[in-house]
Amino acid sequence: MINNIKTMIDILLKIFPIILMTGFVTYLIIRMWVKEKRSRLSRSRTRSIVYLFSYFAALICVTLIFREPENLSDPVDLVPFDTPGGVKYIILYATANFFLFIPMGLLVPRLFRKFRNPLTTTVICVIASVLIEFFQLTFERGLFQTEDIIMNGLGGLVGYVLYQKIWHRMRRKKMMRRYDEYLEDKRQRMYEWDTGK
């Protein structure tokens, strides 16, 4: 277990520069595109695009690039939550797979209106998870495990729920700010009308 934690820390230290570089390059491309097209892109949307591309780079590194090749006799595990090593490993891997897809559940509906639905977002996360499992199987970077797909889908769903809560809170703040501005404007007009200005 401690060996796995050390391995994860090593992988995180390796991917951190890649995440930063991906974010920086994505930001530069967005700025050049906006300048060339003379269009506008909000700061929050720009940040979300940078986060999404950085997340994808980290996801590919963690699940494929920095994983050691494994030559397994039975590379497909279709029985969920039957990981060798006991309950500790099942909980550790299930939790890691769950948290791995929360960012996707947050960012995909933020950027794409047609995915602002819990079912659609979860399906996108499951499809991405199946692709990752397929590539892991093809390039011998791990097992094709159904529990990974299940936990990734649940993580994406929780990410969507978090997105909804954050989005509603931001909308409520924006509406309150507009209402306050409206009231202030109305008070100002009434004052001007009363004083005859």
C-alpha atoms as a PDB file:
ATOM      1  CA  MET A   1       0.000   0.000   0.000  1.00  0.00           C
ATOM      2  CA  ILE A   2       2.802   2.443   0.918  1.00  0.00           C
ATOM      3  CA  ASN A   3       4.589   1.408  -2.270  1.00  0.00           C
ATOM      4  CA  ASN A   4       1.489   2.390  -4.298  1.00  0.00           C
ATOM      5  CA  ILE A   5       1.307   5.784  -2.554  1.00  0.00           C
ATOM      6  CA  LYS A   6       4.989   6.424  -3.345  1.00  0.00           C
ATOM      7  CA  THR A   7       4.349   5.453  -6.966  1.00  0.00           C
ATOM      8  CA  MET A   8       1.397   7.873  -7.158  1.00  0.00           C
ATOM      9  CA  ILE A   9       3.496  10.700  -5.682  1.00  0.00           C
ATOM     10  CA  ASP A  10       6.263   9.984  -8.220  1.00  0.00           C
ATOM     11  CA  ILE A  11       3.723  10.076 -11.056  1.00  0.00           C
ATOM     12  CA  LEU A  12       2.239  13.339  -9.767  1.00  0.00           C
ATOM     13  CA  LEU A  13       5.704  14.921  -9.626  1.00  0.00           C
ATOM     14  CA  LYS A  14       6.348  13.774 -13.199  1.00  0.00           C
ATOM     15  CA  ILE A  15       3.066  15.070 -14.595  1.00  0.00           C
ATOM     16  CA  PHE A  16       3.054  18.440 -12.822  1.00  0.00           C
ATOM     17  CA  PRO A  17       5.360  20.105 -15.406  1.00  0.00           C
ATOM     18  CA  ILE A  18       3.295  18.543 -18.202  1.00  0.00           C
ATOM     19  CA  ILE A  19       0.093  19.968 -16.699  1.00  0.00           C
ATOM     20  CA  LEU A  20       1.663  23.432 -16.423  1.00  0.00           C
ATOM     21  CA  MET A  21       3.029  23.298 -19.970  1.00  0.00           C
ATOM     22  CA  THR A  22      -0.301  22.086 -21.390  1.00  0.00           C
ATOM     23  CA  GLY A  23      -2.162  24.854 -19.571  1.00  0.00           C
ATOM     24  CA  PHE A  24       0.289  27.504 -20.769  1.00  0.00           C
ATOM     25  CA  VAL A  25       0.215  26.332 -24.402  1.00  0.00           C
ATOM     26  CA  THR A  26      -3.586  26.079 -24.337  1.00  0.00           C
ATOM     27  CA  TYR A  27      -3.828  29.620 -22.976  1.00  0.00           C
ATOM     28  CA  LEU A  28      -1.504  30.951 -25.704  1.00  0.00           C
ATOM     29  CA  ILE A  29      -3.507  29.183 -28.428  1.00  0.00           C
ATOM     30  CA  ILE A  30      -6.762  30.613 -27.055  1.00  0.00           C
ATOM     31  CA  ARG A  31      -5.316  34.133 -26.940  1.00  0.00           C
ATOM     32  CA  MET A  32      -4.020  33.858 -30.520  1.00  0.00           C
ATOM     33  CA  TRP A  33      -7.368  32.476 -31.730  1.00  0.00           C
ATOM     34  CA  VAL A  34      -9.328  35.242 -30.007  1.00  0.00           C
ATOM     35  CA  LYS A  35      -7.016  37.889 -31.438  1.00  0.00           C
ATOM     36  CA  GLU A  36      -7.171  36.439 -34.960  1.00  0.00           C
ATOM     37  CA  LYS A  37     -10.947  35.968 -34.989  1.00  0.00           C
ATOM     38  CA  ARG A  38     -11.509  39.267 -33.148  1.00  0.00           C
ATOM     39  CA  SER A  39     -13.984  37.516 -30.941  1.00  0.00           C
ATOM     40  CA  ARG A  40     -14.521  37.628 -27.215  1.00  0.00           C
ATOM     41  CA  LEU A  41     -14.117  34.838 -24.745  1.00  0.00           C
ATOM     42  CA  SER A  42     -14.836  35.360 -21.071  1.00  0.00           C
ATOM     43  CA  ARG A  43     -12.102  34.805 -18.528  1.00  0.00           C
ATOM     44  CA  SER A  44     -14.058  32.053 -16.795  1.00  0.00           C
ATOM     45  CA  ARG A  45     -14.584  30.197 -20.085  1.00  0.00           C
ATOM     46  CA  THR A  46     -10.898  30.600 -20.971  1.00  0.00           C
ATOM     47  CA  ARG A  47      -9.936  29.212 -17.558  1.00  0.00           C
ATOM     48  CA  SER A  48     -12.322  26.282 -18.015  1.00  0.00           C
ATOM     49  CA  ILE A  49     -10.787  25.406 -21.398  1.00  0.00           C
ATOM     50  CA  VAL A  50      -7.266  25.593 -19.935  1.00  0.00           C
ATOM     51  CA  TYR A  51      -8.337  23.416 -16.977  1.00  0.00           C
ATOM     52  CA  LEU A  52      -9.974  20.854 -19.292  1.00  0.00           C
ATOM     53  CA  PHE A  53      -6.908  20.462 -21.525  1.00  0.00           C
ATOM     54  CA  SER A  54      -4.595  20.314 -18.503  1.00  0.00           C
ATOM     55  CA  TYR A  55      -6.879  17.695 -16.954  1.00  0.00           C
ATOM     56  CA  PHE A  56      -6.834  15.605 -20.152  1.00  0.00           C
ATOM     57  CA  ALA A  57      -3.023  15.760 -20.218  1.00  0.00           C
ATOM     58  CA  ALA A  58      -2.879  14.610 -16.592  1.00  0.00           C
ATOM     59  CA  LEU A  59      -5.445  11.864 -17.228  1.00  0.00           C
ATOM     60  CA  ILE A  60      -3.489  10.474 -20.195  1.00  0.00           C
ATOM     61  CA  CYS A  61      -0.237  10.580 -18.234  1.00  0.00           C
ATOM     62  CA  VAL A  62      -1.677   8.860 -15.155  1.00  0.00           C
ATOM     63  CA  THR A  63      -3.627   6.178 -16.993  1.00  0.00           C
ATOM     64  CA  LEU A  64      -1.329   5.415 -19.929  1.00  0.00           C
ATOM     65  CA  ILE A  65       2.035   7.132 -20.327  1.00  0.00           C
ATOM     66  CA  PHE A  66       3.612   6.778 -16.877  1.00  0.00           C
ATOM     67  CA  ARG A  67       2.206   3.335 -16.118  1.00  0.00           C
ATOM     68  CA  GLU A  68       4.587   0.433 -16.272  1.00  0.00           C
ATOM     69  CA  PRO A  69       3.863  -2.139 -18.978  1.00  0.00           C
ATOM     70  CA  GLU A  70       2.216  -5.248 -17.569  1.00  0.00           C
ATOM     71  CA  ASN A  71       2.337  -8.605 -19.267  1.00  0.00           C
ATOM     72  CA  LEU A  72      -0.697 -10.288 -17.754  1.00  0.00           C
ATOM     73  CA  SER A  73      -2.063 -13.701 -18.535  1.00  0.00           C
ATOM     74  CA  ASP A  74      -5.673 -12.544 -18.035  1.00  0.00           C
ATOM     75  CA  PRO A  75      -5.812  -8.815 -18.933  1.00  0.00           C
ATOM     76  CA  VAL A  76      -9.626  -8.542 -18.779  1.00  0.00           C
ATOM     77  CA  ASP A  77     -11.410  -8.428 -15.405  1.00  0.00           C
ATOM     78  CA  LEU A  78     -15.167  -8.344 -15.921  1.00  0.00           C
ATOM     79  CA  VAL A  79     -16.066  -9.055 -12.284  1.00  0.00           C
ATOM     80  CA  PRO A  80     -16.426  -5.694 -10.508  1.00  0.00           C
ATOM     81  CA  PHE A  81     -14.619  -5.125  -7.204  1.00  0.00           C
ATOM     82  CA  ASP A  82     -12.620  -8.347  -7.363  1.00  0.00           C
ATOM     83  CA  THR A  83      -9.136  -6.816  -7.285  1.00  0.00           C
ATOM     84  CA  PRO A  84      -6.365  -9.095  -6.001  1.00  0.00           C
ATOM     85  CA  GLY A  85      -4.909  -7.893  -2.714  1.00  0.00           C
ATOM     86  CA  GLY A  86      -8.015  -7.686  -0.588  1.00  0.00           C
ATOM     87  CA  VAL A  87     -10.378  -5.007   0.599  1.00  0.00           C
ATOM     88  CA  LYS A  88      -7.653  -2.348   1.111  1.00  0.00           C
ATOM     89  CA  TYR A  89      -6.704  -2.434  -2.566  1.00  0.00           C
ATOM     90  CA  ILE A  90     -10.319  -2.482  -3.702  1.00  0.00           C
ATOM     91  CA  ILE A  91     -11.079   0.623  -1.621  1.00  0.00           C
ATOM     92  CA  LEU A  92      -7.857   2.361  -2.703  1.00  0.00           C
ATOM     93  CA  TYR A  93      -8.361   1.748  -6.435  1.00  0.00           C
ATOM     94  CA  ALA A  94     -12.098   2.417  -6.349  1.00  0.00           C
ATOM     95  CA  THR A  95     -11.538   5.722  -4.532  1.00  0.00           C
ATOM     96  CA  ALA A  96      -8.746   6.749  -6.921  1.00  0.00           C
ATOM     97  CA  ASN A  97     -10.919   5.959  -9.956  1.00  0.00           C
ATOM     98  CA  PHE A  98     -13.839   7.829  -8.413  1.00  0.00           C
ATOM     99  CA  PHE A  99     -11.827  11.027  -7.816  1.00  0.00           C
ATOM    100  CA  LEU A 100     -10.079  10.756 -11.197  1.00  0.00           C
ATOM    101  CA  PHE A 101     -13.256  11.660 -13.116  1.00  0.00           C
ATOM    102  CA  ILE A 102     -14.788  14.342 -10.871  1.00  0.00           C
ATOM    103  CA  PRO A 103     -12.994  17.104 -12.848  1.00  0.00           C
ATOM    104  CA  MET A 104     -14.460  15.816 -16.105  1.00  0.00           C
ATOM    105  CA  GLY A 105     -17.943  15.882 -14.591  1.00  0.00           C
ATOM    106  CA  LEU A 106     -17.323  19.496 -13.555  1.00  0.00           C
ATOM    107  CA  LEU A 107     -15.717  20.830 -16.730  1.00  0.00           C
ATOM    108  CA  VAL A 108     -17.628  19.123 -19.556  1.00  0.00           C
ATOM    109  CA  PRO A 109     -21.040  20.640 -18.699  1.00  0.00           C
ATOM    110  CA  ARG A 110     -19.370  23.987 -17.999  1.00  0.00           C
ATOM    111  CA  LEU A 111     -18.039  24.154 -21.553  1.00  0.00           C
ATOM    112  CA  PHE A 112     -20.716  22.339 -23.562  1.00  0.00           C
ATOM    113  CA  ARG A 113     -24.388  23.250 -23.152  1.00  0.00           C
ATOM    114  CA  LYS A 114     -25.676  20.010 -24.654  1.00  0.00           C
ATOM    115  CA  PHE A 115     -23.956  18.045 -21.866  1.00  0.00           C
ATOM    116  CA  ARG A 116     -25.712  19.929 -19.064  1.00  0.00           C
ATOM    117  CA  ASN A 117     -27.641  16.849 -18.098  1.00  0.00           C
ATOM    118  CA  PRO A 118     -26.548  14.310 -15.449  1.00  0.00           C
ATOM    119  CA  LEU A 119     -27.192  11.307 -17.693  1.00  0.00           C
ATOM    120  CA  THR A 120     -25.352  12.781 -20.692  1.00  0.00           C
ATOM    121  CA  THR A 121     -22.367  13.838 -18.593  1.00  0.00           C
ATOM    122  CA  THR A 122     -22.193  10.411 -16.948  1.00  0.00           C
ATOM    123  CA  VAL A 123     -22.372   8.685 -20.351  1.00  0.00           C
ATOM    124  CA  ILE A 124     -19.511  10.888 -21.652  1.00  0.00           C
ATOM    125  CA  CYS A 125     -17.428   9.934 -18.593  1.00  0.00           C
ATOM    126  CA  VAL A 126     -18.222   6.226 -19.067  1.00  0.00           C
ATOM    127  CA  ILE A 127     -17.274   6.400 -22.766  1.00  0.00           C
ATOM    128  CA  ALA A 128     -13.985   8.137 -21.871  1.00  0.00           C
ATOM    129  CA  SER A 129     -13.348   5.474 -19.221  1.00  0.00           C
ATOM    130  CA  VAL A 130     -14.032   2.629 -21.676  1.00  0.00           C
ATOM    131  CA  LEU A 131     -11.593   4.232 -24.142  1.00  0.00           C
ATOM    132  CA  ILE A 132      -8.927   4.475 -21.453  1.00  0.00           C
ATOM    133  CA  GLU A 133      -9.500   0.842 -20.443  1.00  0.00           C
ATOM    134  CA  PHE A 134      -9.303  -0.188 -24.107  1.00  0.00           C
ATOM    135  CA  PHE A 135      -5.998   1.667 -24.596  1.00  0.00           C
ATOM    136  CA  GLN A 136      -4.626   0.187 -21.368  1.00  0.00           C
ATOM    137  CA  LEU A 137      -5.497  -3.270 -22.687  1.00  0.00           C
ATOM    138  CA  THR A 138      -4.086  -2.564 -26.154  1.00  0.00           C
ATOM    139  CA  PHE A 139      -0.784  -1.093 -24.945  1.00  0.00           C
ATOM    140  CA  GLU A 140      -0.497  -3.463 -21.947  1.00  0.00           C
ATOM    141  CA  ARG A 141      -0.656  -0.646 -19.398  1.00  0.00           C
ATOM    142  CA  GLY A 142      -3.085  -2.346 -17.055  1.00  0.00           C
ATOM    143  CA  LEU A 143      -6.194  -4.480 -16.829  1.00  0.00           C
ATOM    144  CA  PHE A 144      -9.480  -3.791 -18.528  1.00  0.00           C
ATOM    145  CA  GLN A 145     -11.576  -3.572 -15.348  1.00  0.00           C
ATOM    146  CA  THR A 146     -15.301  -2.982 -15.102  1.00  0.00           C
ATOM    147  CA  GLU A 147     -14.934  -1.506 -11.609  1.00  0.00           C
ATOM    148  CA  ASP A 148     -12.810   1.303 -13.083  1.00  0.00           C
ATOM    149  CA  ILE A 149     -15.597   2.129 -15.544  1.00  0.00           C
ATOM    150  CA  ILE A 150     -18.239   2.056 -12.786  1.00  0.00           C
ATOM    151  CA  MET A 151     -16.237   4.277 -10.413  1.00  0.00           C
ATOM    152  CA  ASN A 152     -15.217   6.679 -13.201  1.00  0.00           C
ATOM    153  CA  GLY A 153     -18.884   7.068 -14.172  1.00  0.00           C
ATOM    154  CA  LEU A 154     -19.869   7.717 -10.542  1.00  0.00           C
ATOM    155  CA  GLY A 155     -17.047  10.266 -10.226  1.00  0.00           C
ATOM    156  CA  GLY A 156     -18.294  12.030 -13.351  1.00  0.00           C
ATOM    157  CA  LEU A 157     -21.833  12.087 -11.933  1.00  0.00           C
ATOM    158  CA  VAL A 158     -20.620  13.590  -8.648  1.00  0.00           C
ATOM    159  CA  GLY A 159     -18.624  16.151 -10.659  1.00  0.00           C
ATOM    160  CA  TYR A 160     -21.829  17.091 -12.477  1.00  0.00           C
ATOM    161  CA  VAL A 161     -23.704  17.495  -9.167  1.00  0.00           C
ATOM    162  CA  LEU A 162     -20.894  19.757  -7.900  1.00  0.00           C
ATOM    163  CA  TYR A 163     -21.076  21.741 -11.162  1.00  0.00           C
ATOM    164  CA  GLN A 164     -24.832  22.221 -10.674  1.00  0.00           C
ATOM    165  CA  LYS A 165     -24.376  23.462  -7.106  1.00  0.00           C
ATOM    166  CA  ILE A 166     -21.588  25.865  -8.093  1.00  0.00           C
ATOM    167  CA  TRP A 167     -23.484  27.084 -11.187  1.00  0.00           C
ATOM    168  CA  HIS A 168     -26.699  27.742  -9.249  1.00  0.00           C
ATOM    169  CA  ARG A 169     -24.801  29.613  -6.545  1.00  0.00           C
ATOM    170  CA  MET A 170     -23.029  31.756  -9.137  1.00  0.00           C
ATOM    171  CA  ARG A 171     -26.317  32.461 -10.941  1.00  0.00           C
ATOM    172  CA  ARG A 172     -27.999  33.441  -7.697  1.00  0.00           C
ATOM    173  CA  LYS A 173     -25.145  35.846  -6.868  1.00  0.00           C
ATOM    174  CA  LYS A 174     -25.333  37.345 -10.359  1.00  0.00           C
ATOM    175  CA  MET A 175     -29.108  37.796 -10.093  1.00  0.00           C
ATOM    176  CA  MET A 176     -28.779  39.404  -6.641  1.00  0.00           C
ATOM    177  CA  ARG A 177     -26.094  41.767  -7.937  1.00  0.00           C
ATOM    178  CA  ARG A 178     -28.336  42.781 -10.861  1.00  0.00           C
ATOM    179  CA  TYR A 179     -31.272  43.268  -8.502  1.00  0.00           C
ATOM    180  CA  ASP A 180     -29.137  45.445  -6.212  1.00  0.00           C
ATOM    181  CA  GLU A 181     -28.022  47.495  -9.223  1.00  0.00           C
ATOM    182  CA  TYR A 182     -31.658  47.862 -10.303  1.00  0.00           C
ATOM    183  CA  LEU A 183     -32.702  49.045  -6.828  1.00  0.00           C
ATOM    184  CA  GLU A 184     -29.815  51.508  -6.658  1.00  0.00           C
ATOM    185  CA  ASP A 185     -30.718  52.868 -10.085  1.00  0.00           C
ATOM    186  CA  LYS A 186     -34.372  53.206  -9.032  1.00  0.00           C
ATOM    187  CA  ARG A 187     -33.402  55.010  -5.801  1.00  0.00           C
ATOM    188  CA  GLN A 188     -31.200  57.377  -7.795  1.00  0.00           C
ATOM    189  CA  ARG A 189     -34.032  58.201 -10.215  1.00  0.00           C
ATOM    190  CA  MET A 190     -36.504  58.774  -7.374  1.00  0.00           C
ATOM    191  CA  TYR A 191     -34.006  61.045  -5.628  1.00  0.00           C
ATOM    192  CA  GLU A 192     -33.487  63.024  -8.841  1.00  0.00           C
ATOM    193  CA  TRP A 193     -37.248  63.236  -9.381  1.00  0.00           C
ATOM    194  CA  ASP A 194     -37.870  64.374  -5.790  1.00  0.00           C
ATOM    195  CA  THR A 195     -35.155  67.028  -5.873  1.00  0.00           C
ATOM    196  CA  GLY A 196     -36.082  68.178  -9.361  1.00  0.00           C
ATOM    197  CA  LYS A 197     -32.659  67.552 -10.872  1.00  0.00           C
END
